[in-house]
Amino acid sequence: MENIEKKSSKEHWDGSYQISKRDINPNWKPIYYDFRSIASVIESAIRGGNVKSIMEVGCGDSLWLPYLIKRFSLVGGGG
């Protein structure tokens, strides 16, 4: 049980991301066909509703969450 508790702590995940080699581009946009197709569906849903906030479950290194927050001026978060 001790191992599970360590992996669920904020310190564990902060440390994991600090040593991660992935470079996340804050200006990422869906430019390839597959990403544009996904973006089209998500953006239509956002435009079609009175959406002010967004949450992505399992968003760890997400490209989508920052992109959608920035594009639509949303309040957002994830976990």
C-alpha atoms as a PDB file:
ATOM      1  CA  MET A   1       0.000   0.000   0.000  1.00  0.00           C
ATOM      2  CA  GLU A   2       2.916   2.335   0.644  1.00  0.00           C
ATOM      3  CA  ASN A   3       3.905   2.287  -3.056  1.00  0.00           C
ATOM      4  CA  ILE A   4       0.373   3.252  -4.136  1.00  0.00           C
ATOM      5  CA  GLU A   5       0.290   6.156  -1.705  1.00  0.00           C
ATOM      6  CA  LYS A   6       3.605   7.481  -3.031  1.00  0.00           C
ATOM      7  CA  LYS A   7       2.361   7.381  -6.631  1.00  0.00           C
ATOM      8  CA  SER A   8      -0.794   9.249  -5.720  1.00  0.00           C
ATOM      9  CA  SER A   9       1.032  12.160  -4.134  1.00  0.00           C
ATOM     10  CA  LYS A  10       1.533  15.542  -5.752  1.00  0.00           C
ATOM     11  CA  GLU A  11       5.261  15.307  -5.067  1.00  0.00           C
ATOM     12  CA  HIS A  12       5.533  12.061  -7.035  1.00  0.00           C
ATOM     13  CA  TRP A  13       3.920  13.502 -10.152  1.00  0.00           C
ATOM     14  CA  ASP A  14       5.667  16.866  -9.925  1.00  0.00           C
ATOM     15  CA  GLY A  15       8.967  14.978  -9.802  1.00  0.00           C
ATOM     16  CA  SER A  16       7.973  12.747 -12.721  1.00  0.00           C
ATOM     17  CA  TYR A  17       7.206  15.713 -14.943  1.00  0.00           C
ATOM     18  CA  GLN A  18      10.395  17.522 -13.967  1.00  0.00           C
ATOM     19  CA  ILE A  19      12.519  14.634 -15.238  1.00  0.00           C
ATOM     20  CA  SER A  20      10.318  13.951 -18.264  1.00  0.00           C
ATOM     21  CA  LYS A  21      11.981  14.444 -21.640  1.00  0.00           C
ATOM     22  CA  ARG A  22       8.760  15.523 -23.364  1.00  0.00           C
ATOM     23  CA  ASP A  23       8.778  19.124 -24.487  1.00  0.00           C
ATOM     24  CA  ILE A  24       5.229  20.453 -24.543  1.00  0.00           C
ATOM     25  CA  ASN A  25       4.659  23.291 -26.990  1.00  0.00           C
ATOM     26  CA  PRO A  26       2.243  25.845 -25.466  1.00  0.00           C
ATOM     27  CA  ASN A  27       1.343  27.001 -28.994  1.00  0.00           C
ATOM     28  CA  TRP A  28       0.390  23.526 -30.256  1.00  0.00           C
ATOM     29  CA  LYS A  29      -2.465  23.403 -32.760  1.00  0.00           C
ATOM     30  CA  PRO A  30      -4.098  20.422 -34.453  1.00  0.00           C
ATOM     31  CA  ILE A  31      -2.513  20.600 -37.904  1.00  0.00           C
ATOM     32  CA  TYR A  32      -2.581  16.980 -39.054  1.00  0.00           C
ATOM     33  CA  TYR A  33      -5.727  15.385 -40.449  1.00  0.00           C
ATOM     34  CA  ASP A  34      -6.442  13.097 -37.501  1.00  0.00           C
ATOM     35  CA  PHE A  35      -6.069  15.895 -34.945  1.00  0.00           C
ATOM     36  CA  ARG A  36      -8.099  18.309 -37.092  1.00  0.00           C
ATOM     37  CA  SER A  37     -10.886  15.724 -37.315  1.00  0.00           C
ATOM     38  CA  ILE A  38     -10.996  15.369 -33.535  1.00  0.00           C
ATOM     39  CA  ALA A  39     -10.796  19.155 -33.110  1.00  0.00           C
ATOM     40  CA  SER A  40     -13.732  19.646 -35.464  1.00  0.00           C
ATOM     41  CA  VAL A  41     -15.996  17.476 -33.324  1.00  0.00           C
ATOM     42  CA  ILE A  42     -14.893  19.009 -30.016  1.00  0.00           C
ATOM     43  CA  GLU A  43     -15.031  22.587 -31.308  1.00  0.00           C
ATOM     44  CA  SER A  44     -18.532  22.068 -32.760  1.00  0.00           C
ATOM     45  CA  ALA A  45     -19.728  20.871 -29.370  1.00  0.00           C
ATOM     46  CA  ILE A  46     -18.161  23.873 -27.632  1.00  0.00           C
ATOM     47  CA  ARG A  47     -19.640  26.334 -30.130  1.00  0.00           C
ATOM     48  CA  GLY A  48     -23.050  24.656 -29.931  1.00  0.00           C
ATOM     49  CA  GLY A  49     -23.403  25.034 -26.185  1.00  0.00           C
ATOM     50  CA  ASN A  50     -22.988  27.681 -23.559  1.00  0.00           C
ATOM     51  CA  VAL A  51     -19.577  26.315 -22.572  1.00  0.00           C
ATOM     52  CA  LYS A  52     -17.515  28.344 -20.110  1.00  0.00           C
ATOM     53  CA  SER A  53     -15.327  25.634 -18.610  1.00  0.00           C
ATOM     54  CA  ILE A  54     -13.733  22.369 -19.611  1.00  0.00           C
ATOM     55  CA  MET A  55     -12.234  19.417 -17.783  1.00  0.00           C
ATOM     56  CA  GLU A  56     -10.104  16.645 -19.195  1.00  0.00           C
ATOM     57  CA  VAL A  57      -9.884  13.429 -17.209  1.00  0.00           C
ATOM     58  CA  GLY A  58      -6.492  11.746 -17.460  1.00  0.00           C
ATOM     59  CA  CYS A  59      -4.913  14.821 -18.998  1.00  0.00           C
ATOM     60  CA  GLY A  60      -1.316  14.274 -17.925  1.00  0.00           C
ATOM     61  CA  ASP A  61       0.830  15.966 -20.783  1.00  0.00           C
ATOM     62  CA  SER A  62      -2.345  17.016 -22.555  1.00  0.00           C
ATOM     63  CA  LEU A  63      -2.055  19.006 -25.740  1.00  0.00           C
ATOM     64  CA  TRP A  64      -5.800  19.419 -26.009  1.00  0.00           C
ATOM     65  CA  LEU A  65      -6.618  21.059 -22.689  1.00  0.00           C
ATOM     66  CA  PRO A  66      -4.325  24.091 -23.065  1.00  0.00           C
ATOM     67  CA  TYR A  67      -5.271  24.418 -26.740  1.00  0.00           C
ATOM     68  CA  LEU A  68      -9.027  24.500 -26.061  1.00  0.00           C
ATOM     69  CA  ILE A  69      -8.684  26.807 -23.054  1.00  0.00           C
ATOM     70  CA  LYS A  70      -6.686  29.264 -25.122  1.00  0.00           C
ATOM     71  CA  ARG A  71      -8.795  29.009 -28.303  1.00  0.00           C
ATOM     72  CA  PHE A  72     -12.154  29.469 -26.605  1.00  0.00           C
ATOM     73  CA  SER A  73     -11.142  31.511 -23.518  1.00  0.00           C
ATOM     74  CA  LEU A  74     -12.385  28.774 -21.221  1.00  0.00           C
ATOM     75  CA  VAL A  75     -11.663  28.033 -17.587  1.00  0.00           C
ATOM     76  CA  GLY A  76     -10.282  24.543 -17.376  1.00  0.00           C
ATOM     77  CA  GLY A  77      -8.516  21.875 -15.457  1.00  0.00           C
ATOM     78  CA  GLY A  78      -7.891  18.207 -15.370  1.00  0.00           C
ATOM     79  CA  GLY A  79      -6.639  15.341 -13.425  1.00  0.00           C
END
